[in-house]
Amino acid sequence: MRVIGICGSARKGNTEWMLKTTLEAAAESGGEVELLLLRKLDVRRCLGCLSCADRGAEKTGTCKIKDDMLQVLPKIIAADVIILASPGYFDMISGLLKNFLDRTCPIWPRLAGKKIAGIAVAEEGIGQTIQNIKTYGNLCNMHWAGSVSTLAKNPGDAASDGNLKLRLRKLAKKLVS
């Protein structure tokens, strides 16, 4: 079972810790895991040009932007499970993650049937953050496997919640079963 975790946080903190904890538990349960930190990748914004739409002779079926997505998209296609992790910004997913999801347009039909899970952390309220991830999964015909969210402000706050680690491990086991 190949599990890819995609972290949409602009900083190293609670979101990344939660995702790493989940991936570690998935690996312990026999999963082959990989972590992608969007803050360390060159993922440019979608131009909305539709060259990736593969409709008609003038369309290529691939994105014309040459950045790190060229290496990332095959990894997503090869994964059985995708975990999307995001801090909640204004009750929604981060701009980093939203931009990344927009850039999956060339492959979204190939995501059908994969498992998807969400991880979210926010200072005061998760809002629609998990729902944003779930909506993306629904649009791609993926199977929703669950989510874990928490409230935490400063980097390291989430790690001090022992119950949170148990919830993340439970989600990981569900993902690789």
Protein backbone atom coordinates (compact mmCIF):
# COMPACT_ATOMS: atom_id res chain seq x y z
CA MET A 1 0.00 0.00 0.00
CA ARG A 2 1.63 3.24 -1.16
CA VAL A 3 0.74 6.25 0.97
CA ILE A 4 1.69 9.78 0.02
CA GLY A 5 1.31 12.62 2.51
CA ILE A 6 1.13 16.17 1.20
CA CYS A 7 1.74 18.96 3.68
CA GLY A 8 0.24 22.32 2.77
CA SER A 9 1.81 24.31 5.60
CA ALA A 10 4.16 27.20 4.93
CA ARG A 11 6.12 26.45 8.09
CA LYS A 12 7.43 23.48 10.02
CA GLY A 13 4.95 23.04 12.81
CA ASN A 14 1.80 21.26 13.92
CA THR A 15 0.48 20.28 10.49
CA GLU A 16 3.76 18.69 9.49
CA TRP A 17 4.08 16.91 12.84
CA MET A 18 0.57 15.48 12.50
CA LEU A 19 1.24 14.26 8.97
CA LYS A 20 4.64 12.75 9.85
CA THR A 21 3.09 10.97 12.83
CA THR A 22 0.41 9.49 10.58
CA LEU A 23 2.93 8.42 7.96
CA GLU A 24 5.17 6.81 10.58
CA ALA A 25 2.22 4.78 11.86
CA ALA A 26 1.27 3.81 8.30
CA ALA A 27 4.84 2.60 7.71
CA GLU A 28 4.72 0.56 10.93
CA SER A 29 1.54 -1.06 9.60
CA GLY A 30 3.28 -2.07 6.38
CA GLY A 31 2.66 0.95 4.18
CA GLU A 32 5.23 2.39 1.80
CA VAL A 33 5.15 6.10 2.66
CA GLU A 34 6.40 9.36 1.22
CA LEU A 35 6.13 12.91 2.54
CA LEU A 36 5.86 15.94 0.26
CA LEU A 37 6.38 19.35 1.84
CA LEU A 38 4.81 21.87 -0.52
CA ARG A 39 6.80 24.71 1.06
CA LYS A 40 9.98 23.09 -0.27
CA LEU A 41 8.68 22.50 -3.81
CA ASP A 42 8.46 24.79 -6.81
CA VAL A 43 4.75 24.50 -7.59
CA ARG A 44 3.65 27.48 -9.60
CA ARG A 45 0.07 28.63 -9.81
CA CYS A 46 -2.33 27.22 -12.35
CA LEU A 47 -2.71 29.49 -15.37
CA GLY A 48 -6.20 28.25 -16.20
CA CYS A 49 -5.13 27.75 -19.82
CA LEU A 50 -6.78 24.30 -20.08
CA SER A 51 -3.90 22.86 -22.10
CA CYS A 52 -4.04 19.93 -19.67
CA ALA A 53 -7.69 19.19 -20.37
CA ASP A 54 -6.90 16.83 -23.28
CA ARG A 55 -9.89 17.95 -25.33
CA GLY A 56 -9.29 18.10 -29.05
CA ALA A 57 -6.19 18.14 -31.21
CA GLU A 58 -4.87 21.44 -29.85
CA LYS A 59 -4.78 20.13 -26.26
CA THR A 60 -1.79 18.26 -24.90
CA GLY A 61 -3.21 16.46 -21.86
CA THR A 62 -0.28 17.71 -19.81
CA CYS A 63 0.43 20.92 -17.98
CA LYS A 64 2.63 23.32 -19.90
CA ILE A 65 4.22 24.67 -16.69
CA LYS A 66 7.63 23.12 -16.09
CA ASP A 67 8.13 22.93 -12.33
CA ASP A 68 8.27 20.28 -9.59
CA MET A 69 4.78 19.02 -10.46
CA LEU A 70 6.41 17.08 -13.31
CA GLN A 71 7.96 14.77 -10.69
CA VAL A 72 5.05 14.91 -8.23
CA LEU A 73 2.14 13.91 -10.47
CA PRO A 74 3.50 10.40 -11.23
CA LYS A 75 3.93 9.83 -7.48
CA ILE A 76 0.31 10.75 -6.86
CA ILE A 77 -0.85 8.46 -9.66
CA ALA A 78 1.19 5.59 -8.19
CA ALA A 79 -0.17 6.10 -4.65
CA ASP A 80 -3.00 4.03 -3.24
CA VAL A 81 -3.68 6.53 -0.46
CA ILE A 82 -3.35 10.32 -0.41
CA ILE A 83 -3.31 12.26 2.85
CA LEU A 84 -3.79 16.00 2.49
CA ALA A 85 -2.72 18.05 5.50
CA SER A 86 -3.36 21.75 5.92
CA PRO A 87 -3.49 24.46 8.50
CA GLY A 88 -6.84 26.19 8.56
CA TYR A 89 -6.51 29.69 7.12
CA PHE A 90 -9.72 31.72 7.30
CA ASP A 91 -11.57 28.41 7.89
CA MET A 92 -10.26 26.93 4.61
CA ILE A 93 -7.22 25.01 3.32
CA SER A 94 -4.00 26.93 2.87
CA GLY A 95 -3.16 28.69 -0.37
CA LEU A 96 -0.22 26.32 -0.84
CA LEU A 97 -2.51 23.29 -0.79
CA LYS A 98 -5.21 24.91 -2.92
CA ASN A 99 -2.65 25.85 -5.56
CA PHE A 100 -1.31 22.28 -5.52
CA LEU A 101 -4.79 20.80 -5.91
CA ASP A 102 -5.47 23.10 -8.87
CA ARG A 103 -2.34 21.74 -10.52
CA THR A 104 -3.62 18.15 -10.31
CA CYS A 105 -6.06 18.94 -13.11
CA PRO A 106 -4.11 16.85 -15.68
CA ILE A 107 -4.49 13.69 -13.58
CA TRP A 108 -7.68 14.06 -11.57
CA PRO A 109 -9.58 11.32 -13.48
CA ARG A 110 -6.77 8.90 -12.57
CA LEU A 111 -7.36 9.49 -8.86
CA ALA A 112 -10.72 7.70 -8.88
CA GLY A 113 -10.86 4.81 -6.45
CA LYS A 114 -7.89 5.91 -4.33
CA LYS A 115 -8.33 6.48 -0.61
CA ILE A 116 -8.09 10.06 0.64
CA ALA A 117 -7.84 11.40 4.17
CA GLY A 118 -7.54 14.85 5.68
CA ILE A 119 -5.52 16.37 8.48
CA ALA A 120 -6.13 19.89 9.71
CA VAL A 121 -4.98 22.14 12.49
CA ALA A 122 -6.01 25.68 13.31
CA GLU A 123 -5.66 28.19 16.09
CA GLU A 124 -9.33 28.85 16.81
CA GLY A 125 -11.48 26.73 14.51
CA ILE A 126 -11.12 24.21 11.69
CA GLY A 127 -14.06 25.71 9.79
CA GLN A 128 -14.33 24.17 6.32
CA THR A 129 -10.72 22.95 6.10
CA ILE A 130 -11.55 19.24 6.28
CA GLN A 131 -14.63 19.76 4.13
CA ASN A 132 -12.43 21.41 1.45
CA ILE A 133 -10.27 18.28 1.36
CA LYS A 134 -13.31 16.00 1.34
CA THR A 135 -14.87 17.99 -1.52
CA TYR A 136 -11.70 17.60 -3.59
CA GLY A 137 -11.80 13.84 -2.97
CA ASN A 138 -15.46 13.67 -3.97
CA LEU A 139 -14.81 15.58 -7.19
CA CYS A 140 -12.03 13.13 -8.05
CA ASN A 141 -14.21 10.10 -7.18
CA MET A 142 -11.91 9.08 -4.36
CA HIS A 143 -12.94 7.09 -1.27
CA TRP A 144 -13.05 9.20 1.88
CA ALA A 145 -11.20 7.35 4.64
CA GLY A 146 -11.46 9.86 7.45
CA SER A 147 -9.80 12.83 9.07
CA VAL A 148 -8.14 14.11 12.18
CA SER A 149 -8.18 17.74 13.24
CA THR A 150 -7.12 19.70 16.28
CA LEU A 151 -6.66 23.19 17.61
CA ALA A 152 -3.11 24.39 18.23
CA LYS A 153 -1.43 27.77 17.91
CA ASN A 154 2.32 27.47 18.31
CA PRO A 155 4.60 24.90 16.65
CA GLY A 156 4.84 21.94 19.00
CA ASP A 157 1.46 22.45 20.66
CA ALA A 158 -0.14 19.51 18.85
CA ALA A 159 2.65 17.13 19.87
CA SER A 160 1.82 17.70 23.54
CA ASP A 161 -1.66 16.18 23.07
CA GLY A 162 -1.25 12.43 23.73
CA ASN A 163 -4.79 11.65 22.59
CA LEU A 164 -4.09 13.30 19.23
CA LYS A 165 -1.22 10.93 18.51
CA LEU A 166 -3.53 7.97 19.18
CA ARG A 167 -6.15 9.37 16.79
CA LEU A 168 -3.51 9.85 14.08
CA ARG A 169 -2.25 6.28 14.53
CA LYS A 170 -5.82 4.96 14.29
CA LEU A 171 -6.34 6.84 11.04
CA ALA A 172 -3.06 5.46 9.66
CA LYS A 173 -4.10 1.87 10.39
CA LYS A 174 -7.43 2.46 8.67
CA LEU A 175 -5.64 3.83 5.60
CA VAL A 176 -3.36 0.84 5.07
CA SER A 177 -5.89 -1.89 5.88
